[in-house]
Amino acid sequence: MAIGNVTPDSFYPASRLSSEQALLAWAETALAEGADILDIGACSTRPGSTPVDSATEWSRLVPALEAIKSHFPDTPLSLDTFRPEIARQALENFGPMTINDISGGCDEMYEVVRAHRVPYIWTIRGDFSLLARMPADIELILDPGFGFIGSTEADYACMRRMDELRAYNLPILVGVSRKSMIWRLLDITPETSLSATQVLHFYALEHGATILRVHDVREAAQTVSLWEKLQTDHLNRKSVNRQ
């Protein structure tokens, strides 16, 4: 899943798409490099930020979704929003897409995704107790919520528990790309955290991740390819040993 932000204030400047030309160039490159899903956001939710109002979010989304739908009509989309009214308007005006809600969910949002029968990325923000109250009758994708848990230590504690999510037999999305859990720990910057991001991507794949939400599609796709190669070789060896 490739990250595209039609905002001026997302935490990683290279993900900010300030024009239709930049948006379409990003989408074309991401798809060529191996993205399966384009994730569009129009309201920054970086820690410490003040979200724009819903009217501003919608005014940014409309031209972005129109452009993507026009130029890449068959590409699966994900909408990064925590507002049920934005999700509803997008689904009514632009058709089915995954709703990526970092807020942890609410009854109104659940009703929107139920009514439109679309996948919903449910972010638990490191609170595994929420899994006992999983919303029903929704096509769920689980997101542990890295970056929204509260601290770097809490992010890594959550990552060490990822195997527990496998028991639910649901897709698991991991979004750690260039986040503070990497650059604060290593005393680097988001701009210099690409290689370290891939280390966590590989770990996440080893422990159940099925979707990686990323800024750098080519490198993430390479990480996935190497992980898949190791999985295939391991399964082949097991098959030979059984024979």
C-alpha atoms as a PDB file:
ATOM      1  CA  MET A   1       0.000   0.000   0.000  1.00  0.00           C
ATOM      2  CA  ALA A   2       1.574   3.260  -1.183  1.00  0.00           C
ATOM      3  CA  ILE A   3       1.123   6.397   0.935  1.00  0.00           C
ATOM      4  CA  GLY A   4      -0.025   9.565  -0.831  1.00  0.00           C
ATOM      5  CA  ASN A   5      -0.847  12.678   1.178  1.00  0.00           C
ATOM      6  CA  VAL A   6      -2.660  15.602  -0.419  1.00  0.00           C
ATOM      7  CA  THR A   7      -1.687  17.702   2.570  1.00  0.00           C
ATOM      8  CA  PRO A   8       0.985  20.349   3.189  1.00  0.00           C
ATOM      9  CA  ASP A   9       1.933  19.073   6.646  1.00  0.00           C
ATOM     10  CA  SER A  10       2.420  15.296   6.702  1.00  0.00           C
ATOM     11  CA  PHE A  11       5.409  14.290   8.823  1.00  0.00           C
ATOM     12  CA  TYR A  12       7.435  13.035   5.833  1.00  0.00           C
ATOM     13  CA  PRO A  13       7.737  15.866   3.284  1.00  0.00           C
ATOM     14  CA  ALA A  14       8.396  13.573   0.310  1.00  0.00           C
ATOM     15  CA  SER A  15       4.903  12.101   0.686  1.00  0.00           C
ATOM     16  CA  ARG A  16       3.199  15.493   0.281  1.00  0.00           C
ATOM     17  CA  LEU A  17       1.483  15.842  -3.091  1.00  0.00           C
ATOM     18  CA  SER A  18       0.760  19.498  -3.739  1.00  0.00           C
ATOM     19  CA  SER A  19      -0.677  19.321  -7.267  1.00  0.00           C
ATOM     20  CA  GLU A  20      -2.588  17.004  -9.568  1.00  0.00           C
ATOM     21  CA  GLN A  21       0.570  16.529 -11.614  1.00  0.00           C
ATOM     22  CA  ALA A  22       2.506  15.432  -8.521  1.00  0.00           C
ATOM     23  CA  LEU A  23      -0.328  13.125  -7.460  1.00  0.00           C
ATOM     24  CA  LEU A  24      -0.530  11.374 -10.810  1.00  0.00           C
ATOM     25  CA  ALA A  25       3.247  11.058 -11.082  1.00  0.00           C
ATOM     26  CA  TRP A  26       3.328   9.507  -7.613  1.00  0.00           C
ATOM     27  CA  ALA A  27       0.551   7.060  -8.482  1.00  0.00           C
ATOM     28  CA  GLU A  28       2.161   6.020 -11.765  1.00  0.00           C
ATOM     29  CA  THR A  29       5.530   5.463 -10.114  1.00  0.00           C
ATOM     30  CA  ALA A  30       4.073   3.603  -7.134  1.00  0.00           C
ATOM     31  CA  LEU A  31       2.124   1.211  -9.346  1.00  0.00           C
ATOM     32  CA  ALA A  32       5.125   0.619 -11.610  1.00  0.00           C
ATOM     33  CA  GLU A  33       7.270  -0.185  -8.569  1.00  0.00           C
ATOM     34  CA  GLY A  34       4.855  -2.759  -7.220  1.00  0.00           C
ATOM     35  CA  ALA A  35       2.094  -1.075  -5.225  1.00  0.00           C
ATOM     36  CA  ASP A  36      -1.183  -2.982  -5.064  1.00  0.00           C
ATOM     37  CA  ILE A  37      -3.189  -0.271  -3.280  1.00  0.00           C
ATOM     38  CA  LEU A  38      -2.999   3.535  -3.294  1.00  0.00           C
ATOM     39  CA  ASP A  39      -3.772   5.114   0.087  1.00  0.00           C
ATOM     40  CA  ILE A  40      -4.942   8.733  -0.148  1.00  0.00           C
ATOM     41  CA  GLY A  41      -5.104  11.032   2.855  1.00  0.00           C
ATOM     42  CA  ALA A  42      -6.118  14.680   3.081  1.00  0.00           C
ATOM     43  CA  CYS A  43      -5.828  15.359   6.808  1.00  0.00           C
ATOM     44  CA  SER A  44      -2.545  14.893   8.608  1.00  0.00           C
ATOM     45  CA  THR A  45      -2.778  12.756  11.747  1.00  0.00           C
ATOM     46  CA  ARG A  46       0.866  12.936  12.717  1.00  0.00           C
ATOM     47  CA  PRO A  47       1.374  13.071  16.508  1.00  0.00           C
ATOM     48  CA  GLY A  48       1.002  16.621  17.798  1.00  0.00           C
ATOM     49  CA  SER A  49      -0.795  17.931  14.729  1.00  0.00           C
ATOM     50  CA  THR A  50      -4.135  19.758  14.708  1.00  0.00           C
ATOM     51  CA  PRO A  51      -6.442  18.150  12.138  1.00  0.00           C
ATOM     52  CA  VAL A  52      -8.009  20.430   9.538  1.00  0.00           C
ATOM     53  CA  ASP A  53     -11.792  20.662   9.544  1.00  0.00           C
ATOM     54  CA  SER A  54     -13.902  18.261   7.506  1.00  0.00           C
ATOM     55  CA  ALA A  55     -14.679  20.844   4.821  1.00  0.00           C
ATOM     56  CA  THR A  56     -10.985  21.358   4.154  1.00  0.00           C
ATOM     57  CA  GLU A  57     -10.339  17.633   4.135  1.00  0.00           C
ATOM     58  CA  TRP A  58     -13.143  17.069   1.626  1.00  0.00           C
ATOM     59  CA  SER A  59     -12.052  19.956  -0.601  1.00  0.00           C
ATOM     60  CA  ARG A  60      -8.603  18.368  -0.861  1.00  0.00           C
ATOM     61  CA  LEU A  61      -9.948  14.877  -1.467  1.00  0.00           C
ATOM     62  CA  VAL A  62     -12.377  15.592  -4.288  1.00  0.00           C
ATOM     63  CA  PRO A  63      -9.844  16.633  -6.960  1.00  0.00           C
ATOM     64  CA  ALA A  64      -7.407  13.926  -5.802  1.00  0.00           C
ATOM     65  CA  LEU A  65      -9.957  11.127  -6.051  1.00  0.00           C
ATOM     66  CA  GLU A  66     -11.303  12.466  -9.336  1.00  0.00           C
ATOM     67  CA  ALA A  67      -7.801  12.447 -10.822  1.00  0.00           C
ATOM     68  CA  ILE A  68      -6.906   8.969  -9.575  1.00  0.00           C
ATOM     69  CA  LYS A  69     -10.241   7.487 -10.633  1.00  0.00           C
ATOM     70  CA  SER A  70      -9.914   9.071 -14.069  1.00  0.00           C
ATOM     71  CA  HIS A  71      -6.341   7.966 -14.774  1.00  0.00           C
ATOM     72  CA  PHE A  72      -6.192   4.681 -12.826  1.00  0.00           C
ATOM     73  CA  PRO A  73      -9.810   3.459 -12.745  1.00  0.00           C
ATOM     74  CA  ASP A  74      -9.008  -0.172 -11.909  1.00  0.00           C
ATOM     75  CA  THR A  75      -6.561   0.500  -9.088  1.00  0.00           C
ATOM     76  CA  PRO A  76      -7.724  -0.422  -5.575  1.00  0.00           C
ATOM     77  CA  LEU A  77      -7.874   2.642  -3.354  1.00  0.00           C
ATOM     78  CA  SER A  78      -7.728   3.206   0.365  1.00  0.00           C
ATOM     79  CA  LEU A  79      -9.006   6.372   2.002  1.00  0.00           C
ATOM     80  CA  ASP A  80      -7.113   7.521   5.081  1.00  0.00           C
ATOM     81  CA  THR A  81      -9.750   9.286   7.180  1.00  0.00           C
ATOM     82  CA  PHE A  82     -11.097   9.101  10.722  1.00  0.00           C
ATOM     83  CA  ARG A  83     -14.306  10.999   9.880  1.00  0.00           C
ATOM     84  CA  PRO A  84     -17.439   8.950   9.094  1.00  0.00           C
ATOM     85  CA  GLU A  85     -18.944  11.803   7.055  1.00  0.00           C
ATOM     86  CA  ILE A  86     -15.859  11.949   4.823  1.00  0.00           C
ATOM     87  CA  ALA A  87     -15.890   8.185   4.349  1.00  0.00           C
ATOM     88  CA  ARG A  88     -19.590   8.272   3.469  1.00  0.00           C
ATOM     89  CA  GLN A  89     -19.212  11.080   0.926  1.00  0.00           C
ATOM     90  CA  ALA A  90     -16.228   9.409  -0.713  1.00  0.00           C
ATOM     91  CA  LEU A  91     -17.990   6.074  -1.043  1.00  0.00           C
ATOM     92  CA  GLU A  92     -21.175   7.666  -2.375  1.00  0.00           C
ATOM     93  CA  ASN A  93     -19.339   9.834  -4.904  1.00  0.00           C
ATOM     94  CA  PHE A  94     -16.390   7.675  -5.954  1.00  0.00           C
ATOM     95  CA  GLY A  95     -17.427   4.096  -5.345  1.00  0.00           C
ATOM     96  CA  PRO A  96     -15.933   1.288  -3.272  1.00  0.00           C
ATOM     97  CA  MET A  97     -12.604   1.744  -1.519  1.00  0.00           C
ATOM     98  CA  THR A  98     -11.019   0.572   1.699  1.00  0.00           C
ATOM     99  CA  ILE A  99     -11.504   2.900   4.657  1.00  0.00           C
ATOM    100  CA  ASN A 100      -8.309   3.360   6.668  1.00  0.00           C
ATOM    101  CA  ASP A 101      -9.299   4.758  10.070  1.00  0.00           C
ATOM    102  CA  ILE A 102      -6.499   5.355  12.574  1.00  0.00           C
ATOM    103  CA  SER A 103      -8.890   6.536  15.303  1.00  0.00           C
ATOM    104  CA  GLY A 104      -9.868   3.126  16.639  1.00  0.00           C
ATOM    105  CA  GLY A 105     -13.368   3.324  15.202  1.00  0.00           C
ATOM    106  CA  CYS A 106     -16.830   4.400  16.286  1.00  0.00           C
ATOM    107  CA  ASP A 107     -20.393   3.210  15.738  1.00  0.00           C
ATOM    108  CA  GLU A 108     -21.040   5.774  13.000  1.00  0.00           C
ATOM    109  CA  MET A 109     -17.970   4.694  11.030  1.00  0.00           C
ATOM    110  CA  TYR A 110     -18.899   1.030  11.423  1.00  0.00           C
ATOM    111  CA  GLU A 111     -22.341   1.753   9.996  1.00  0.00           C
ATOM    112  CA  VAL A 112     -20.820   3.511   6.985  1.00  0.00           C
ATOM    113  CA  VAL A 113     -18.554   0.599   6.059  1.00  0.00           C
ATOM    114  CA  ARG A 114     -21.312  -1.941   6.736  1.00  0.00           C
ATOM    115  CA  ALA A 115     -23.738  -0.084   4.493  1.00  0.00           C
ATOM    116  CA  HIS A 116     -21.232   0.108   1.651  1.00  0.00           C
ATOM    117  CA  ARG A 117     -19.724  -3.357   2.220  1.00  0.00           C
ATOM    118  CA  VAL A 118     -16.123  -2.179   1.934  1.00  0.00           C
ATOM    119  CA  PRO A 119     -12.971  -3.295   3.779  1.00  0.00           C
ATOM    120  CA  TYR A 120     -12.198  -1.401   6.965  1.00  0.00           C
ATOM    121  CA  ILE A 121      -8.753  -0.990   8.502  1.00  0.00           C
ATOM    122  CA  TRP A 122      -9.376  -1.166  12.229  1.00  0.00           C
ATOM    123  CA  THR A 123      -6.562   0.374  14.259  1.00  0.00           C
ATOM    124  CA  ILE A 124      -6.237  -0.932  17.811  1.00  0.00           C
ATOM    125  CA  ARG A 125      -3.404   1.454  18.850  1.00  0.00           C
ATOM    126  CA  GLY A 126      -1.631  -1.278  20.768  1.00  0.00           C
ATOM    127  CA  ASP A 127      -4.666  -2.127  22.896  1.00  0.00           C
ATOM    128  CA  PHE A 128      -5.077  -5.873  22.379  1.00  0.00           C
ATOM    129  CA  SER A 129      -8.018  -5.930  24.797  1.00  0.00           C
ATOM    130  CA  LEU A 130     -10.101  -4.285  22.047  1.00  0.00           C
ATOM    131  CA  LEU A 131      -9.939  -7.505  20.046  1.00  0.00           C
ATOM    132  CA  ALA A 132     -12.558  -8.983  22.377  1.00  0.00           C
ATOM    133  CA  ARG A 133     -14.966  -6.286  21.136  1.00  0.00           C
ATOM    134  CA  MET A 134     -14.247  -6.562  17.445  1.00  0.00           C
ATOM    135  CA  PRO A 135     -16.963  -4.880  15.311  1.00  0.00           C
ATOM    136  CA  ALA A 136     -19.193  -7.476  13.679  1.00  0.00           C
ATOM    137  CA  ASP A 137     -20.337  -7.896  10.077  1.00  0.00           C
ATOM    138  CA  ILE A 138     -17.437  -5.854   8.674  1.00  0.00           C
ATOM    139  CA  GLU A 139     -14.609  -6.963   6.379  1.00  0.00           C
ATOM    140  CA  LEU A 140     -11.802  -6.121   8.803  1.00  0.00           C
ATOM    141  CA  ILE A 141      -8.113  -5.525   8.300  1.00  0.00           C
ATOM    142  CA  LEU A 142      -6.244  -5.297  11.609  1.00  0.00           C
ATOM    143  CA  ASP A 143      -3.717  -2.502  12.184  1.00  0.00           C
ATOM    144  CA  PRO A 144      -1.700  -2.611  15.431  1.00  0.00           C
ATOM    145  CA  GLY A 145      -1.384   1.167  15.203  1.00  0.00           C
ATOM    146  CA  PHE A 146       2.346   1.828  15.258  1.00  0.00           C
ATOM    147  CA  GLY A 147       3.030   5.512  15.810  1.00  0.00           C
ATOM    148  CA  PHE A 148      -0.225   6.069  17.688  1.00  0.00           C
ATOM    149  CA  ILE A 149       0.401   3.898  20.737  1.00  0.00           C
ATOM    150  CA  GLY A 150       2.066   6.466  22.968  1.00  0.00           C
ATOM    151  CA  SER A 151       5.816   5.912  23.025  1.00  0.00           C
ATOM    152  CA  THR A 152       8.666   4.266  21.170  1.00  0.00           C
ATOM    153  CA  GLU A 153       8.891   1.536  23.806  1.00  0.00           C
ATOM    154  CA  ALA A 154       5.162   0.876  23.504  1.00  0.00           C
ATOM    155  CA  ASP A 155       5.494   0.593  19.716  1.00  0.00           C
ATOM    156  CA  TYR A 156       8.177  -2.095  20.053  1.00  0.00           C
ATOM    157  CA  ALA A 157       6.265  -3.883  22.800  1.00  0.00           C
ATOM    158  CA  CYS A 158       3.286  -4.038  20.433  1.00  0.00           C
ATOM    159  CA  MET A 159       5.437  -5.300  17.578  1.00  0.00           C
ATOM    160  CA  ARG A 160       6.734  -8.125  19.762  1.00  0.00           C
ATOM    161  CA  ARG A 161       3.098  -9.216  20.239  1.00  0.00           C
ATOM    162  CA  MET A 162       2.170  -9.276  16.548  1.00  0.00           C
ATOM    163  CA  ASP A 163       1.982 -13.080  16.435  1.00  0.00           C
ATOM    164  CA  GLU A 164      -1.108 -12.868  18.640  1.00  0.00           C
ATOM    165  CA  LEU A 165      -3.036 -11.237  15.807  1.00  0.00           C
ATOM    166  CA  ARG A 166      -2.648 -14.293  13.584  1.00  0.00           C
ATOM    167  CA  ALA A 167      -5.237 -16.141  15.665  1.00  0.00           C
ATOM    168  CA  TYR A 168      -7.988 -13.944  14.190  1.00  0.00           C
ATOM    169  CA  ASN A 169      -7.342 -15.067  10.599  1.00  0.00           C
ATOM    170  CA  LEU A 170      -7.647 -11.530   9.265  1.00  0.00           C
ATOM    171  CA  PRO A 171      -5.341  -9.464   7.062  1.00  0.00           C
ATOM    172  CA  ILE A 172      -2.826  -7.499   9.132  1.00  0.00           C
ATOM    173  CA  LEU A 173      -1.613  -4.095   8.018  1.00  0.00           C
ATOM    174  CA  VAL A 174       1.649  -2.682   9.345  1.00  0.00           C
ATOM    175  CA  GLY A 175       2.525   0.987   8.936  1.00  0.00           C
ATOM    176  CA  VAL A 176       5.986   1.743  10.286  1.00  0.00           C
ATOM    177  CA  SER A 177       7.446   3.499   7.258  1.00  0.00           C
ATOM    178  CA  ARG A 178       9.946   6.195   8.356  1.00  0.00           C
ATOM    179  CA  LYS A 179       8.077   6.635  11.653  1.00  0.00           C
ATOM    180  CA  SER A 180       9.493   8.007  14.889  1.00  0.00           C
ATOM    181  CA  MET A 181       9.813   4.540  16.430  1.00  0.00           C
ATOM    182  CA  ILE A 182      12.711   4.147  13.993  1.00  0.00           C
ATOM    183  CA  TRP A 183      14.394   7.511  13.806  1.00  0.00           C
ATOM    184  CA  ARG A 184      14.110   8.428  17.473  1.00  0.00           C
ATOM    185  CA  LEU A 185      15.607   5.123  18.571  1.00  0.00           C
ATOM    186  CA  LEU A 186      18.495   5.389  16.100  1.00  0.00           C
ATOM    187  CA  ASP A 187      18.971   9.160  16.459  1.00  0.00           C
ATOM    188  CA  ILE A 188      18.492   9.742  12.734  1.00  0.00           C
ATOM    189  CA  THR A 189      15.761  11.489  10.708  1.00  0.00           C
ATOM    190  CA  PRO A 190      12.752  10.350   8.684  1.00  0.00           C
ATOM    191  CA  GLU A 191      14.751  11.158   5.551  1.00  0.00           C
ATOM    192  CA  THR A 192      17.572   8.779   6.535  1.00  0.00           C
ATOM    193  CA  SER A 193      15.445   5.924   7.873  1.00  0.00           C
ATOM    194  CA  LEU A 194      14.792   3.968   4.667  1.00  0.00           C
ATOM    195  CA  SER A 195      17.080   1.012   5.338  1.00  0.00           C
ATOM    196  CA  ALA A 196      15.973   0.712   8.971  1.00  0.00           C
ATOM    197  CA  THR A 197      12.351   0.754   7.822  1.00  0.00           C
ATOM    198  CA  GLN A 198      13.002  -2.335   5.705  1.00  0.00           C
ATOM    199  CA  VAL A 199      14.350  -4.183   8.752  1.00  0.00           C
ATOM    200  CA  LEU A 200      11.037  -3.656  10.534  1.00  0.00           C
ATOM    201  CA  HIS A 201       9.128  -4.522   7.355  1.00  0.00           C
ATOM    202  CA  PHE A 202      10.913  -7.875   7.213  1.00  0.00           C
ATOM    203  CA  TYR A 203      10.221  -8.520  10.894  1.00  0.00           C
ATOM    204  CA  ALA A 204       6.556  -7.644  10.386  1.00  0.00           C
ATOM    205  CA  LEU A 205       6.260 -10.065   7.465  1.00  0.00           C
ATOM    206  CA  GLU A 206       7.859 -12.788   9.573  1.00  0.00           C
ATOM    207  CA  HIS A 207       5.238 -12.200  12.259  1.00  0.00           C
ATOM    208  CA  GLY A 208       2.052 -12.083  10.224  1.00  0.00           C
ATOM    209  CA  ALA A 209       1.852  -8.812   8.283  1.00  0.00           C
ATOM    210  CA  THR A 210       0.008  -9.176   4.990  1.00  0.00           C
ATOM    211  CA  ILE A 211      -0.076  -5.501   3.960  1.00  0.00           C
ATOM    212  CA  LEU A 212       2.763  -3.005   4.318  1.00  0.00           C
ATOM    213  CA  ARG A 213       1.772   0.672   4.196  1.00  0.00           C
ATOM    214  CA  VAL A 214       4.848   2.407   2.811  1.00  0.00           C
ATOM    215  CA  HIS A 215       6.384   5.583   1.472  1.00  0.00           C
ATOM    216  CA  ASP A 216       9.011   3.737  -0.585  1.00  0.00           C
ATOM    217  CA  VAL A 217       7.324   1.165  -2.783  1.00  0.00           C
ATOM    218  CA  ARG A 218      10.318  -0.168  -4.697  1.00  0.00           C
ATOM    219  CA  GLU A 219      12.327  -0.954  -1.580  1.00  0.00           C
ATOM    220  CA  ALA A 220       9.335  -2.446   0.233  1.00  0.00           C
ATOM    221  CA  ALA A 221       8.529  -4.626  -2.786  1.00  0.00           C
ATOM    222  CA  GLN A 222      12.127  -5.859  -2.804  1.00  0.00           C
ATOM    223  CA  THR A 223      11.843  -6.703   0.885  1.00  0.00           C
ATOM    224  CA  VAL A 224       8.649  -8.649   0.199  1.00  0.00           C
ATOM    225  CA  SER A 225      10.310 -10.509  -2.692  1.00  0.00           C
ATOM    226  CA  LEU A 226      13.255 -11.580  -0.524  1.00  0.00           C
ATOM    227  CA  TRP A 227      10.922 -12.679   2.269  1.00  0.00           C
ATOM    228  CA  GLU A 228       8.771 -14.655  -0.184  1.00  0.00           C
ATOM    229  CA  LYS A 229      11.880 -16.329  -1.629  1.00  0.00           C
ATOM    230  CA  LEU A 230      12.915 -17.482   1.831  1.00  0.00           C
ATOM    231  CA  GLN A 231       9.401 -18.765   2.537  1.00  0.00           C
ATOM    232  CA  THR A 232       9.302 -20.698  -0.746  1.00  0.00           C
ATOM    233  CA  ASP A 233      12.719 -22.262  -0.212  1.00  0.00           C
ATOM    234  CA  HIS A 234      11.771 -23.245   3.331  1.00  0.00           C
ATOM    235  CA  LEU A 235       8.538 -24.895   2.187  1.00  0.00           C
ATOM    236  CA  ASN A 236      10.373 -26.710  -0.610  1.00  0.00           C
ATOM    237  CA  ARG A 237      12.912 -28.097   1.855  1.00  0.00           C
ATOM    238  CA  LYS A 238      10.144 -29.286   4.167  1.00  0.00           C
ATOM    239  CA  SER A 239       8.445 -31.027   1.250  1.00  0.00           C
ATOM    240  CA  VAL A 240      11.649 -32.811   0.257  1.00  0.00           C
ATOM    241  CA  ASN A 241      12.289 -33.892   3.844  1.00  0.00           C
ATOM    242  CA  ARG A 242       8.811 -35.379   4.110  1.00  0.00           C
ATOM    243  CA  GLN A 243       9.419 -37.414   0.977  1.00  0.00           C
END
